[in-house]
Amino acid sequence: MARNIGVLALQGDFDRHKTALKKAGANVVEIRMPEQLRGCDGLIIPGGESTTLTKLMSLYHFYEPIINFAKKYPIMGTCAGLIMLSSEVNDEKVKPLKLINIKTSRNAYGRQIDSFIAPIEFNGIGSKSFDAYFIRAPKIEKIGNGVNILSKYKDSPIAVSNENILVMSFHPELGKDFRIHKIFIENFC
């Protein structure tokens, strides 16, 4: 039975996540209002701009509904989604959801011009490397208790999880490899 996965569609490249989820076998729901979370088996908070996401999530009253959603269902965050799910962020303009015990730094891998693709190993997807797209990517500066490292780049964690939260510094939706979305659907949802 296909899972219904919501993609927060306020800002960022949510459309690429929709494509990746469909290729990985999920039904996709664009989430533009909190009540649309009902009926979803999981949620993805895509990359974008974390200060803009903070403003839009506040404007549309998403904070409490997402925190409550996370009590029962999994959430995956990529790039700015990682920042929004963090417990602590190096920018006071960002109001994180505090759903995973990590401290993050915005744009720590450089500006837009510093974007790059790197082959990485990712626990659980097999021995073939995964092409990770880093675009103004955040860095995980500190990891708290109960957080598992799934992938590193140059000895720094770039993908971590705890219980039902999965976050990445990079954009897994940009290539043609949908193994990470498949892991989220099969192992988290």
Protein backbone atom coordinates (compact mmCIF):
# COMPACT_ATOMS: atom_id res chain seq x y z
CA MET A 1 0.00 0.00 0.00
CA ALA A 2 1.44 3.39 -1.03
CA ARG A 3 2.13 5.88 1.74
CA ASN A 4 0.70 9.41 1.66
CA ILE A 5 3.65 11.76 2.12
CA GLY A 6 3.15 15.48 2.52
CA VAL A 7 5.64 18.00 1.17
CA LEU A 8 5.59 21.42 2.80
CA ALA A 9 4.86 23.60 -0.23
CA LEU A 10 5.38 27.10 1.16
CA GLN A 11 8.75 27.83 -0.39
CA GLY A 12 11.74 26.03 -1.87
CA ASP A 13 11.96 23.27 -4.45
CA PHE A 14 9.09 21.18 -3.14
CA ASP A 15 8.21 20.09 -6.69
CA ARG A 16 11.45 18.08 -7.03
CA HIS A 17 10.63 16.26 -3.77
CA LYS A 18 7.19 15.44 -5.19
CA THR A 19 8.83 13.86 -8.25
CA ALA A 20 11.33 11.91 -6.11
CA LEU A 21 8.56 10.62 -3.81
CA LYS A 22 6.41 9.49 -6.73
CA LYS A 23 9.39 7.66 -8.30
CA ALA A 24 10.00 6.03 -4.89
CA GLY A 25 6.39 4.79 -4.80
CA ALA A 26 4.54 7.26 -2.57
CA ASN A 27 1.36 9.28 -2.99
CA VAL A 28 2.18 12.97 -2.59
CA VAL A 29 0.20 15.76 -0.93
CA GLU A 30 1.27 19.41 -1.26
CA ILE A 31 0.93 20.92 2.23
CA ARG A 32 0.01 24.60 2.15
CA MET A 33 -2.19 24.74 5.26
CA PRO A 34 -1.79 22.86 8.59
CA GLU A 35 -5.07 20.94 8.27
CA GLN A 36 -3.69 19.23 5.13
CA LEU A 37 -1.35 17.22 7.39
CA ARG A 38 -4.32 15.02 8.32
CA GLY A 39 -4.14 11.79 6.37
CA CYS A 40 -0.37 12.00 5.80
CA ASP A 41 1.96 9.19 6.86
CA GLY A 42 5.04 11.43 6.74
CA LEU A 43 6.21 14.94 5.89
CA ILE A 44 9.15 16.46 4.02
CA ILE A 45 10.34 19.99 4.76
CA PRO A 46 12.36 20.92 1.66
CA GLY A 47 15.29 23.23 1.18
CA GLY A 48 14.73 26.89 0.53
CA GLU A 49 15.50 29.84 2.74
CA SER A 50 15.17 29.27 6.50
CA THR A 51 14.35 32.87 7.48
CA THR A 52 11.59 32.91 4.84
CA LEU A 53 10.34 29.51 6.05
CA THR A 54 10.28 30.89 9.61
CA LYS A 55 8.08 33.81 8.49
CA LEU A 56 5.73 31.67 6.38
CA MET A 57 5.40 28.91 8.98
CA SER A 58 4.53 31.56 11.58
CA LEU A 59 2.10 33.33 9.24
CA TYR A 60 0.23 30.11 8.43
CA HIS A 61 0.44 28.74 12.01
CA PHE A 62 2.48 25.63 11.17
CA TYR A 63 4.66 25.35 14.28
CA GLU A 64 2.30 23.61 16.69
CA PRO A 65 0.70 21.34 14.03
CA ILE A 66 4.12 20.12 12.81
CA ILE A 67 5.36 19.53 16.37
CA ASN A 68 2.19 17.55 17.09
CA PHE A 69 2.50 15.67 13.77
CA ALA A 70 6.03 14.60 14.75
CA LYS A 71 4.68 12.87 17.87
CA LYS A 72 3.17 10.16 15.63
CA TYR A 73 4.69 10.48 12.16
CA PRO A 74 8.15 10.87 10.58
CA ILE A 75 9.55 14.06 9.11
CA MET A 76 12.45 14.46 6.68
CA GLY A 77 14.21 17.80 6.29
CA THR A 78 16.70 18.75 3.59
CA CYS A 79 18.99 21.79 3.70
CA ALA A 80 16.71 24.54 5.10
CA GLY A 81 14.42 21.75 6.31
CA LEU A 82 17.33 20.47 8.42
CA ILE A 83 17.71 23.97 9.89
CA MET A 84 13.99 24.20 10.68
CA LEU A 85 13.98 20.80 12.45
CA SER A 86 17.12 21.54 14.52
CA SER A 87 17.07 22.27 18.22
CA GLU A 88 19.49 25.19 17.83
CA VAL A 89 20.51 27.46 14.93
CA ASN A 90 23.28 30.06 14.70
CA ASP A 91 20.84 32.77 13.52
CA GLU A 92 18.27 34.42 15.80
CA LYS A 93 16.04 35.24 12.79
CA VAL A 94 15.31 31.52 12.44
CA LYS A 95 12.82 29.88 14.79
CA PRO A 96 13.51 26.12 14.68
CA LEU A 97 10.97 23.41 15.51
CA LYS A 98 13.41 21.73 17.94
CA LEU A 99 12.54 18.19 16.80
CA ILE A 100 16.08 16.80 16.54
CA ASN A 101 18.86 17.45 19.02
CA ILE A 102 21.43 19.12 16.76
CA LYS A 103 22.95 22.58 16.44
CA THR A 104 23.29 23.91 12.90
CA SER A 105 25.00 26.80 11.11
CA ARG A 106 23.30 28.33 8.11
CA ASN A 107 25.19 28.51 4.77
CA ALA A 108 28.29 26.98 6.39
CA TYR A 109 29.40 25.27 3.17
CA GLY A 110 29.49 28.63 1.37
CA ARG A 111 27.38 30.87 -0.80
CA GLN A 112 25.43 29.95 -3.95
CA ILE A 113 28.59 30.23 -6.06
CA ASP A 114 30.28 27.64 -3.80
CA SER A 115 27.65 24.96 -4.55
CA PHE A 116 29.00 21.50 -5.38
CA ILE A 117 28.12 17.84 -5.87
CA ALA A 118 29.99 15.16 -3.93
CA PRO A 119 29.70 11.36 -3.94
CA ILE A 120 28.92 10.19 -0.39
CA GLU A 121 28.26 6.97 1.45
CA PHE A 122 24.90 6.82 3.21
CA ASN A 123 24.02 4.10 5.75
CA GLY A 124 21.26 1.85 4.49
CA ILE A 125 21.29 2.55 0.74
CA GLY A 126 23.86 0.00 -0.36
CA SER A 127 27.47 0.18 -1.43
CA LYS A 128 26.96 2.43 -4.46
CA SER A 129 27.75 6.07 -3.61
CA PHE A 130 25.07 8.76 -3.66
CA ASP A 131 25.57 12.13 -5.38
CA ALA A 132 24.86 14.81 -2.75
CA TYR A 133 24.05 18.32 -3.98
CA PHE A 134 25.25 21.04 -1.58
CA ILE A 135 23.66 24.45 -2.26
CA ARG A 136 24.22 27.10 0.43
CA ALA A 137 24.20 24.07 2.71
CA PRO A 138 24.00 24.20 6.50
CA LYS A 139 26.53 22.42 8.68
CA ILE A 140 25.67 20.23 11.64
CA GLU A 141 27.90 21.71 14.35
CA LYS A 142 26.85 19.63 17.35
CA ILE A 143 24.95 16.37 17.84
CA GLY A 144 23.03 15.52 21.01
CA ASN A 145 22.10 12.23 22.65
CA GLY A 146 20.13 9.72 20.59
CA VAL A 147 21.13 11.18 17.21
CA ASN A 148 22.60 8.71 14.69
CA ILE A 149 25.06 9.74 11.98
CA LEU A 150 24.03 8.31 8.60
CA SER A 151 26.55 10.09 6.39
CA LYS A 152 29.62 12.32 6.61
CA TYR A 153 31.44 14.63 4.24
CA LYS A 154 35.09 15.36 5.14
CA ASP A 155 34.52 14.00 8.66
CA SER A 156 31.51 16.28 9.29
CA PRO A 157 28.02 14.78 9.68
CA ILE A 158 25.73 15.68 6.78
CA ALA A 159 22.84 13.27 7.41
CA VAL A 160 21.51 12.29 10.85
CA SER A 161 18.39 10.80 12.36
CA ASN A 162 16.74 10.15 15.68
CA GLU A 163 13.65 8.00 16.02
CA ASN A 164 11.30 9.49 13.40
CA ILE A 165 13.28 12.55 12.21
CA LEU A 166 15.71 12.34 9.24
CA VAL A 167 17.70 15.42 8.18
CA MET A 168 20.36 16.18 5.57
CA SER A 169 22.57 19.17 4.76
CA PHE A 170 22.24 18.39 1.08
CA HIS A 171 19.47 18.04 -1.53
CA PRO A 172 18.73 14.35 -2.28
CA GLU A 173 15.89 15.32 -4.61
CA LEU A 174 18.04 17.01 -7.27
CA GLY A 175 19.58 13.97 -8.94
CA LYS A 176 18.00 10.90 -10.47
CA ASP A 177 18.76 8.64 -7.49
CA PHE A 178 15.74 8.27 -5.21
CA ARG A 179 17.17 5.78 -2.70
CA ILE A 180 17.05 8.22 0.22
CA HIS A 181 13.38 9.04 -0.42
CA LYS A 182 12.75 5.30 -0.61
CA ILE A 183 14.46 4.79 2.77
CA PHE A 184 12.29 7.52 4.27
CA ILE A 185 9.12 5.89 2.94
CA GLU A 186 10.08 2.31 3.83
CA ASN A 187 12.03 2.73 7.09
CA PHE A 188 10.55 5.84 8.67
CA CYS A 189 6.90 5.89 7.52
